[in-house]
Amino acid sequence: MKILIFNWQDIRNPLAGGAEVHLHEIFSRIARMGHEVTLFCSSFRGAEAEETIDGIRVIRRGGRHLFNFHVPIRYWRQFRREGYDVVIDDMNKIPFFTPLFVREPLVVLIHHLFGTVIFREIFFPLALYVYIAEGAALALCRRGRVALFAVSPSTKAALIEKGLASEKIDIVPNCVDHNLYRPGDVPRSRTPLVGYFGRLKRYKSVNHLIRAFSKICKKVPDAGLIIIGEGDDRGPLEELAVKLDIREKVRFTGFVDEQEKVRLLQEVWFLVNPSSVEGWGLTVIEANACGTAVIASDVPGLRDAIRNGESGILYRYGDIDGLAEKMTALIRDREMREQLGRAARTFAGGFDWNEVARSAIRLLGSRSK
């Protein structure tokens, strides 16, 4: 099968996140099965215009802010003549509106819908554009002969609420590489260490975690917080830590490679994900595979990745006092941490990229020519 993918970024882009991991893990495996996979994405400083990454032919053109205009132009100039069996549109924030111009069988991959959350992330004019564009793209998917992949039951439910037919939507979830993410020889920190891993974006609400952590410092003075990841909200988050007089207790690592990420996930006592919305809690499952429990906000996507009270703990989004209480309780109760960690690892064992890749290629085969 010959597969073409449109996505804003590839796995080597410094701004790559969970969406890029999901795409790469699945389609690199599909490429190893003997299928031909091409990814068209935006470029970044120092990037090659074309290269092959784990069997995926990656073509980069344009910057990330205007890349959506390159997609239809490149399609008409090049891709429509290359005989693809199916086209994948990885829809993320600003859509490509592929149902308007793609002639091959089309599958739109959706991690989560932003809706009004986008107004927390970017300034008003652009947020309004994204909000309207997302609605317009979904309207095209409703009317057109378009199949959809959702990464979680919550995302599928949100799409159905927007009027898309359930039978058009298949779930292709995030998973974990169990050869990499697993309990290791790294001992847990001797003193309480809470972790966050992910991009530093406003809608991720890492400021809630920092505020909650400042509340527990009085009760647990030797506690530390490590924030693993990079993003344009890092500056304001560091300023908040200074304002709350806890800057010396909060470590910002910036971008780390996979090996270091695994080491840190094995070292922290537990992880916290305070995001306002997620397609699926990829970092939750990665931490779980390392035997590390997670406290997360009870929002779509994250609630799919946690069995509350069994493999992790959910709290009401935005309840900073409630989050602080749950963090304090978990710090003080070693038996609970270890019990949640064991159950979390068992739960994560049910999510395997190889199985999902095989399922995805079967679904794509049913949609192709």
Protein backbone atom coordinates (compact mmCIF):
# COMPACT_ATOMS: atom_id res chain seq x y z
CA MET A 1 0.00 0.00 0.00
CA LYS A 2 1.18 3.53 -0.82
CA ILE A 3 0.35 6.01 1.96
CA LEU A 4 0.67 9.81 2.05
CA ILE A 5 0.50 11.71 5.36
CA PHE A 6 0.07 15.42 6.01
CA ASN A 7 1.18 16.67 9.44
CA TRP A 8 2.58 19.94 10.73
CA GLN A 9 5.73 18.37 12.16
CA ASP A 10 7.83 15.22 12.05
CA ILE A 11 9.40 13.32 14.91
CA ARG A 12 12.74 15.19 14.65
CA ASN A 13 11.19 18.64 14.88
CA PRO A 14 12.16 20.28 18.20
CA LEU A 15 8.46 21.11 18.69
CA ALA A 16 7.29 17.53 18.17
CA GLY A 17 4.86 16.25 20.78
CA GLY A 18 2.55 13.34 21.43
CA ALA A 19 0.87 13.64 18.04
CA GLU A 20 4.20 13.15 16.29
CA VAL A 21 5.11 10.21 18.51
CA HIS A 22 1.77 8.54 17.74
CA LEU A 23 2.21 9.07 14.00
CA HIS A 24 5.83 7.91 13.92
CA GLU A 25 5.41 4.83 16.09
CA ILE A 26 2.52 3.52 14.01
CA PHE A 27 3.69 4.37 10.51
CA SER A 28 7.35 3.41 11.00
CA ARG A 29 6.03 -0.06 11.84
CA ILE A 30 3.73 0.01 8.83
CA ALA A 31 6.75 0.93 6.68
CA ARG A 32 8.63 -2.07 8.08
CA MET A 33 5.73 -4.25 6.98
CA GLY A 34 6.65 -3.35 3.41
CA HIS A 35 4.28 -0.46 2.76
CA GLU A 36 5.43 2.82 1.22
CA VAL A 37 4.92 5.78 3.58
CA THR A 38 5.52 9.46 2.74
CA LEU A 39 5.15 12.26 5.29
CA PHE A 40 4.82 15.88 4.12
CA CYS A 41 5.47 18.35 6.95
CA SER A 42 6.91 21.76 7.78
CA SER A 43 10.63 22.39 7.98
CA PHE A 44 12.72 23.75 10.85
CA ARG A 45 16.15 25.29 11.27
CA GLY A 46 18.90 22.88 10.25
CA ALA A 47 16.51 20.29 8.81
CA GLU A 48 17.10 18.48 5.53
CA ALA A 49 14.52 19.05 2.81
CA GLU A 50 14.11 15.29 2.41
CA GLU A 51 15.27 12.28 4.40
CA THR A 52 14.15 8.81 5.39
CA ILE A 53 13.46 8.20 9.08
CA ASP A 54 12.77 4.62 10.17
CA GLY A 55 11.43 3.77 6.73
CA ILE A 56 9.26 6.89 6.38
CA ARG A 57 10.09 9.23 3.50
CA VAL A 58 9.94 12.71 5.07
CA ILE A 59 9.52 15.77 2.82
CA ARG A 60 9.79 19.18 4.52
CA ARG A 61 8.67 22.48 3.02
CA GLY A 62 7.87 25.87 4.50
CA GLY A 63 7.78 27.15 8.05
CA ARG A 64 5.31 25.93 10.63
CA HIS A 65 3.21 29.12 10.57
CA LEU A 66 2.32 28.97 6.88
CA PHE A 67 2.71 25.26 6.20
CA ASN A 68 -1.05 24.76 5.73
CA PHE A 69 -0.81 26.77 2.49
CA HIS A 70 1.94 24.49 1.18
CA VAL A 71 -0.21 21.36 1.53
CA PRO A 72 -2.76 21.92 -1.30
CA ILE A 73 -0.09 23.44 -3.56
CA ARG A 74 2.28 20.49 -3.16
CA TYR A 75 -0.59 18.06 -3.52
CA TRP A 76 -1.62 19.46 -6.92
CA ARG A 77 1.95 19.93 -8.14
CA GLN A 78 3.32 16.55 -7.06
CA PHE A 79 1.44 14.15 -4.83
CA ARG A 80 -1.73 13.65 -6.90
CA ARG A 81 0.45 12.22 -9.69
CA GLU A 82 2.25 9.71 -7.45
CA GLY A 83 -0.58 7.19 -7.17
CA TYR A 84 -1.25 6.99 -3.43
CA ASP A 85 -3.77 4.45 -2.19
CA VAL A 86 -4.81 6.48 0.85
CA VAL A 87 -4.09 9.92 2.33
CA ILE A 88 -3.84 10.60 6.08
CA ASP A 89 -4.59 14.10 7.40
CA ASP A 90 -3.30 14.48 10.97
CA MET A 91 -5.60 17.31 12.07
CA ASN A 92 -4.08 19.48 14.79
CA LYS A 93 -5.17 23.05 15.56
CA ILE A 94 -5.24 24.69 12.10
CA PRO A 95 -6.68 22.11 9.67
CA PHE A 96 -5.58 21.52 6.09
CA PHE A 97 -9.17 21.18 4.73
CA THR A 98 -8.10 18.12 2.76
CA PRO A 99 -11.67 17.02 1.86
CA LEU A 100 -11.75 20.03 -0.49
CA PHE A 101 -8.88 18.88 -2.70
CA VAL A 102 -7.70 15.32 -1.98
CA ARG A 103 -9.09 12.86 -4.54
CA GLU A 104 -7.75 9.63 -3.02
CA PRO A 105 -9.49 7.83 -0.13
CA LEU A 106 -9.00 10.09 2.89
CA VAL A 107 -8.62 9.38 6.61
CA VAL A 108 -8.55 12.28 9.07
CA LEU A 109 -6.66 11.48 12.28
CA ILE A 110 -7.84 13.50 15.29
CA HIS A 111 -6.17 13.58 18.69
CA HIS A 112 -8.54 16.00 20.38
CA LEU A 113 -10.77 18.94 19.58
CA PHE A 114 -9.72 22.30 20.96
CA GLY A 115 -13.07 24.06 20.91
CA THR A 116 -13.05 27.03 23.28
CA VAL A 117 -9.84 25.81 24.98
CA ILE A 118 -7.87 27.42 22.13
CA PHE A 119 -8.71 30.85 23.56
CA ARG A 120 -6.53 30.01 26.59
CA GLU A 121 -3.61 29.10 24.37
CA ILE A 122 -3.19 31.89 21.81
CA PHE A 123 -4.20 35.52 21.33
CA PHE A 124 -7.78 36.30 20.32
CA PRO A 125 -7.72 36.86 16.52
CA LEU A 126 -5.77 33.68 15.81
CA ALA A 127 -7.73 31.72 18.43
CA LEU A 128 -10.98 32.76 16.76
CA TYR A 129 -9.61 31.64 13.39
CA VAL A 130 -8.62 28.22 14.79
CA TYR A 131 -12.01 27.85 16.49
CA ILE A 132 -13.90 28.61 13.27
CA ALA A 133 -11.53 26.54 11.12
CA GLU A 134 -11.91 23.49 13.36
CA GLY A 135 -15.69 23.68 13.07
CA ALA A 136 -15.52 24.13 9.30
CA ALA A 137 -13.16 21.16 8.91
CA LEU A 138 -15.50 18.93 10.92
CA ALA A 139 -18.41 20.05 8.74
CA LEU A 140 -16.45 18.91 5.67
CA CYS A 141 -15.81 15.56 7.34
CA ARG A 142 -19.52 15.15 8.11
CA ARG A 143 -20.56 15.68 4.51
CA GLY A 144 -17.70 14.06 2.65
CA ARG A 145 -16.68 10.46 2.15
CA VAL A 146 -14.08 10.74 4.88
CA ALA A 147 -13.08 8.15 7.47
CA LEU A 148 -11.79 9.23 10.86
CA PHE A 149 -9.27 7.83 13.32
CA ALA A 150 -9.66 8.99 16.95
CA VAL A 151 -6.99 8.30 19.54
CA SER A 152 -9.38 7.71 22.44
CA PRO A 153 -13.00 6.98 23.34
CA SER A 154 -13.29 10.56 24.62
CA THR A 155 -12.23 11.97 21.25
CA LYS A 156 -14.66 9.67 19.45
CA ALA A 157 -17.45 10.80 21.77
CA ALA A 158 -16.58 14.46 21.10
CA LEU A 159 -16.72 13.84 17.35
CA ILE A 160 -20.11 12.16 17.65
CA GLU A 161 -21.35 15.16 19.65
CA LYS A 162 -20.28 17.32 16.70
CA GLY A 163 -22.52 15.30 14.40
CA LEU A 164 -20.10 12.78 12.89
CA ALA A 165 -21.45 9.28 12.42
CA SER A 166 -20.10 6.69 14.84
CA GLU A 167 -19.56 4.14 12.06
CA LYS A 168 -17.12 6.52 10.34
CA ILE A 169 -14.83 6.64 13.40
CA ASP A 170 -12.27 4.02 14.45
CA ILE A 171 -10.13 4.27 17.57
CA VAL A 172 -6.36 4.05 16.99
CA PRO A 173 -4.92 4.66 20.45
CA ASN A 174 -1.60 5.82 21.77
CA CYS A 175 0.61 3.05 23.14
CA VAL A 176 4.05 2.59 24.60
CA ASP A 177 7.35 0.98 23.61
CA HIS A 178 7.76 -1.60 26.37
CA ASN A 179 11.38 -2.25 25.40
CA LEU A 180 12.20 1.34 26.36
CA TYR A 181 9.65 2.29 28.99
CA ARG A 182 9.96 -0.16 31.86
CA PRO A 183 11.06 -0.25 35.49
CA GLY A 184 14.83 -0.06 35.62
CA ASP A 185 17.76 0.04 37.97
CA VAL A 186 17.30 3.74 38.73
CA PRO A 187 16.21 4.09 42.37
CA ARG A 188 13.43 6.44 43.34
CA SER A 189 14.58 9.79 44.65
CA ARG A 190 15.44 9.65 48.35
CA THR A 191 13.35 12.77 48.95
CA PRO A 192 9.83 13.40 47.58
CA LEU A 193 10.09 14.25 43.88
CA VAL A 194 7.02 15.11 41.80
CA GLY A 195 7.28 15.18 38.01
CA TYR A 196 5.59 16.72 34.99
CA PHE A 197 6.42 15.66 31.47
CA GLY A 198 5.10 17.31 28.32
CA ARG A 199 5.14 20.44 26.27
CA LEU A 200 4.95 23.72 28.15
CA LYS A 201 1.84 25.25 26.61
CA ARG A 202 -0.80 27.33 28.34
CA TYR A 203 -3.59 24.81 27.80
CA LYS A 204 -1.45 22.19 29.59
CA SER A 205 -2.06 24.22 32.80
CA VAL A 206 1.34 23.52 34.32
CA ASN A 207 0.81 26.71 36.34
CA HIS A 208 -1.86 24.79 38.29
CA LEU A 209 0.75 22.21 39.27
CA ILE A 210 3.25 24.86 40.36
CA ARG A 211 0.61 26.58 42.49
CA ALA A 212 -0.45 23.26 44.04
CA PHE A 213 3.18 22.34 44.70
CA SER A 214 3.75 25.66 46.50
CA LYS A 215 0.95 24.69 48.90
CA ILE A 216 2.51 21.35 49.83
CA CYS A 217 5.99 22.79 50.42
CA LYS A 218 4.94 24.01 53.87
CA LYS A 219 3.79 20.49 54.82
CA VAL A 220 6.57 18.63 53.00
CA PRO A 221 9.58 20.99 53.06
CA ASP A 222 11.98 18.54 51.38
CA ALA A 223 9.72 18.00 48.34
CA GLY A 224 10.94 18.85 44.85
CA LEU A 225 9.28 19.36 41.48
CA ILE A 226 10.87 18.51 38.13
CA ILE A 227 9.31 19.85 34.93
CA ILE A 228 10.48 17.87 31.91
CA GLY A 229 9.84 19.48 28.55
CA GLU A 230 10.01 22.69 26.60
CA GLY A 231 7.59 25.22 25.17
CA ASP A 232 6.65 28.87 24.91
CA ASP A 233 5.07 28.91 28.38
CA ARG A 234 8.36 28.13 30.11
CA GLY A 235 9.24 31.77 30.83
CA PRO A 236 5.93 32.57 32.57
CA LEU A 237 6.15 29.30 34.52
CA GLU A 238 9.64 30.11 35.79
CA GLU A 239 8.43 33.58 36.76
CA LEU A 240 5.52 32.03 38.67
CA ALA A 241 7.90 29.78 40.62
CA VAL A 242 9.94 32.86 41.57
CA LYS A 243 6.80 34.77 42.57
CA LEU A 244 5.69 31.88 44.82
CA ASP A 245 9.18 31.72 46.35
CA ILE A 246 9.76 28.09 45.35
CA ARG A 247 12.15 28.56 42.41
CA GLU A 248 14.95 26.66 44.16
CA LYS A 249 12.63 23.66 44.55
CA VAL A 250 11.52 23.56 40.90
CA ARG A 251 13.84 22.21 38.21
CA PHE A 252 13.14 22.89 34.53
CA THR A 253 15.05 20.39 32.39
CA GLY A 254 14.11 21.66 28.95
CA PHE A 255 14.12 19.09 26.15
CA VAL A 256 15.56 15.69 27.10
CA ASP A 257 16.24 12.63 24.96
CA GLU A 258 14.31 9.37 25.34
CA GLN A 259 16.86 7.67 27.58
CA GLU A 260 16.97 10.58 30.01
CA LYS A 261 13.18 10.83 29.99
CA VAL A 262 12.88 7.18 30.98
CA ARG A 263 15.47 7.64 33.73
CA LEU A 264 13.53 10.58 35.16
CA LEU A 265 10.21 8.73 34.95
CA GLN A 266 11.81 5.94 36.97
CA GLU A 267 13.21 8.39 39.53
CA VAL A 268 10.17 10.53 40.38
CA TRP A 269 7.72 9.38 43.04
CA PHE A 270 4.77 10.11 40.76
CA LEU A 271 3.79 12.24 37.78
CA VAL A 272 1.13 14.96 37.54
CA ASN A 273 -0.72 15.94 34.35
CA PRO A 274 -2.92 19.01 34.99
CA SER A 275 -3.90 19.64 31.34
CA SER A 276 -7.25 21.15 30.36
CA VAL A 277 -7.65 18.75 27.44
CA GLU A 278 -5.78 15.83 25.86
CA GLY A 279 -6.54 13.43 23.05
CA TRP A 280 -4.98 10.66 25.09
CA GLY A 281 -2.59 10.60 28.03
CA LEU A 282 0.52 9.34 26.23
CA THR A 283 2.84 10.51 29.00
CA VAL A 284 0.54 8.81 31.50
CA ILE A 285 1.00 5.42 29.83
CA GLU A 286 4.75 5.97 29.42
CA ALA A 287 5.08 6.71 33.14
CA ASN A 288 2.84 3.75 33.97
CA ALA A 289 5.06 1.41 31.95
CA CYS A 290 7.94 2.51 34.20
CA GLY A 291 5.86 1.59 37.25
CA THR A 292 5.13 5.24 38.07
CA ALA A 293 1.64 6.35 39.08
CA VAL A 294 0.02 9.54 37.78
CA ILE A 295 -2.33 12.15 39.20
CA ALA A 296 -4.25 13.79 36.34
CA SER A 297 -7.12 16.17 35.77
CA ASP A 298 -10.45 14.51 35.03
CA VAL A 299 -10.76 15.71 31.42
CA PRO A 300 -11.30 13.95 28.08
CA GLY A 301 -8.29 11.90 27.07
CA LEU A 302 -6.70 11.72 30.49
CA ARG A 303 -9.67 9.92 31.99
CA ASP A 304 -9.25 7.32 29.23
CA ALA A 305 -5.65 6.70 30.32
CA ILE A 306 -6.33 6.29 34.04
CA ARG A 307 -8.47 3.91 36.06
CA ASN A 308 -9.26 6.23 38.93
CA GLY A 309 -8.14 4.83 42.26
CA GLU A 310 -6.64 1.76 40.62
CA SER A 311 -3.89 2.76 38.19
CA GLY A 312 -3.81 6.44 39.08
CA ILE A 313 -5.78 9.32 40.56
CA LEU A 314 -8.08 11.85 38.90
CA TYR A 315 -8.99 15.27 40.29
CA ARG A 316 -11.37 17.99 39.15
CA TYR A 317 -9.64 20.21 36.60
CA GLY A 318 -8.70 23.58 38.04
CA ASP A 319 -9.11 22.50 41.68
CA ILE A 320 -5.66 23.52 42.88
CA ASP A 321 -6.42 22.85 46.54
CA GLY A 322 -7.78 19.42 45.65
CA LEU A 323 -4.67 18.65 43.60
CA ALA A 324 -2.43 19.73 46.47
CA GLU A 325 -4.32 17.44 48.85
CA LYS A 326 -3.98 14.43 46.54
CA MET A 327 -0.27 15.13 45.99
CA THR A 328 0.33 15.42 49.74
CA ALA A 329 -1.55 12.19 50.43
CA LEU A 330 0.43 10.29 47.80
CA ILE A 331 3.75 11.66 49.06
CA ARG A 332 2.94 10.50 52.57
CA ASP A 333 1.60 7.05 51.65
CA ARG A 334 4.37 4.86 50.23
CA GLU A 335 2.17 1.77 50.16
CA MET A 336 -0.42 3.57 48.03
CA ARG A 337 2.26 4.82 45.62
CA GLU A 338 3.67 1.34 45.16
CA GLN A 339 0.25 -0.27 44.78
CA LEU A 340 -0.81 2.29 42.17
CA GLY A 341 2.54 1.88 40.40
CA ARG A 342 2.13 -1.89 40.11
CA ALA A 343 -1.43 -1.59 38.82
CA ALA A 344 -0.38 1.18 36.44
CA ARG A 345 2.32 -1.01 34.91
CA THR A 346 -0.20 -3.82 34.39
CA PHE A 347 -2.64 -1.39 32.79
CA ALA A 348 0.04 0.01 30.45
CA GLY A 349 0.89 -3.53 29.35
CA GLY A 350 -2.34 -3.60 27.37
CA PHE A 351 -1.15 -0.86 25.01
CA ASP A 352 1.31 -2.08 22.38
CA TRP A 353 2.37 -0.18 19.24
CA ASN A 354 2.82 -3.36 17.19
CA GLU A 355 -0.79 -4.41 17.74
CA VAL A 356 -2.11 -0.94 16.94
CA ALA A 357 -0.01 -0.72 13.76
CA ARG A 358 -1.42 -4.03 12.54
CA SER A 359 -4.94 -2.83 13.31
CA ALA A 360 -4.32 0.51 11.57
CA ILE A 361 -3.10 -1.10 8.34
CA ARG A 362 -6.17 -3.34 8.27
CA LEU A 363 -8.41 -0.31 8.67
CA LEU A 364 -6.50 1.63 6.02
CA GLY A 365 -6.76 -1.32 3.66
CA SER A 366 -10.53 -1.20 3.95
CA ARG A 367 -10.46 2.53 3.03
CA SER A 368 -7.96 2.37 0.15
CA LYS A 369 -8.57 1.86 -3.54
